[in-house]
Amino acid sequence: MQQTLMYVIIAVLAALVAALVGSFVAVAEGGRPTTALKAGALTFAGALTLLIVVMDALGVVGS
């Protein structure tokens, strides 16, 4: 249980880093702060979904 929780926390942190990078890229391309927020939110949702699916496929999380 503890190891699974650790992997989930790592996945959430990795998704947050991806969202932060997505926001910085949006701002660097001349986007407005609202565009950066949208890009960050979409990147976070996509990255977290992808990480959970990969961890489920590897048997790290899930039943």
Protein backbone atom coordinates (compact mmCIF):
# COMPACT_ATOMS: atom_id res chain seq x y z
CA MET A 1 0.00 0.00 0.00
CA GLN A 2 2.74 2.46 0.91
CA GLN A 3 4.68 1.80 -2.27
CA THR A 4 1.57 2.30 -4.42
CA LEU A 5 0.84 5.58 -2.65
CA MET A 6 4.42 6.68 -3.27
CA TYR A 7 4.06 6.00 -7.00
CA VAL A 8 0.77 7.91 -7.14
CA ILE A 9 2.36 10.89 -5.40
CA ILE A 10 5.27 10.79 -7.85
CA ALA A 11 2.79 10.70 -10.76
CA VAL A 12 0.93 13.74 -9.43
CA LEU A 13 4.17 15.65 -8.93
CA ALA A 14 5.36 14.75 -12.43
CA ALA A 15 2.04 15.94 -13.86
CA LEU A 16 2.38 19.21 -11.94
CA VAL A 17 5.86 19.73 -13.38
CA ALA A 18 4.49 19.08 -16.87
CA ALA A 19 1.71 21.61 -16.24
CA LEU A 20 4.23 24.19 -15.07
CA VAL A 21 6.33 23.66 -18.18
CA GLY A 22 3.22 23.92 -20.33
CA SER A 23 2.35 27.23 -18.72
CA PHE A 24 5.86 28.60 -19.22
CA VAL A 25 5.80 27.57 -22.87
CA ALA A 26 2.46 29.31 -23.37
CA VAL A 27 3.80 32.52 -21.81
CA ALA A 28 7.07 32.30 -23.74
CA GLU A 29 5.12 32.06 -26.99
CA GLY A 30 3.45 35.35 -26.15
CA GLY A 31 0.26 33.99 -24.66
CA ARG A 32 -1.80 35.77 -22.06
CA PRO A 33 -1.93 34.51 -18.46
CA THR A 34 -5.37 32.97 -19.04
CA THR A 35 -4.00 31.05 -22.00
CA ALA A 36 -1.11 29.87 -19.83
CA LEU A 37 -3.56 28.71 -17.16
CA LYS A 38 -5.59 26.78 -19.72
CA ALA A 39 -2.45 25.22 -21.19
CA GLY A 40 -1.26 24.23 -17.72
CA ALA A 41 -4.60 22.70 -16.78
CA LEU A 42 -4.84 20.71 -20.00
CA THR A 43 -1.24 19.54 -19.69
CA PHE A 44 -1.83 18.49 -16.08
CA ALA A 45 -4.95 16.52 -16.95
CA GLY A 46 -3.30 14.83 -19.91
CA ALA A 47 -0.07 14.01 -18.10
CA LEU A 48 -1.80 12.65 -15.02
CA THR A 49 -4.10 10.48 -17.12
CA LEU A 50 -1.19 9.15 -19.13
CA LEU A 51 0.90 8.43 -16.03
CA ILE A 52 -1.95 6.60 -14.28
CA VAL A 53 -2.66 4.52 -17.42
CA VAL A 54 1.02 3.59 -17.76
CA MET A 55 1.30 2.68 -14.07
CA ASP A 56 -1.87 0.60 -14.32
CA ALA A 57 -0.47 -1.19 -17.37
CA LEU A 58 2.73 -1.92 -15.47
CA GLY A 59 0.72 -3.25 -12.54
CA VAL A 60 1.88 -0.59 -10.09
CA VAL A 61 -1.61 0.70 -9.30
CA GLY A 62 -5.02 -0.80 -9.77
CA SER A 63 -6.45 -4.12 -8.74
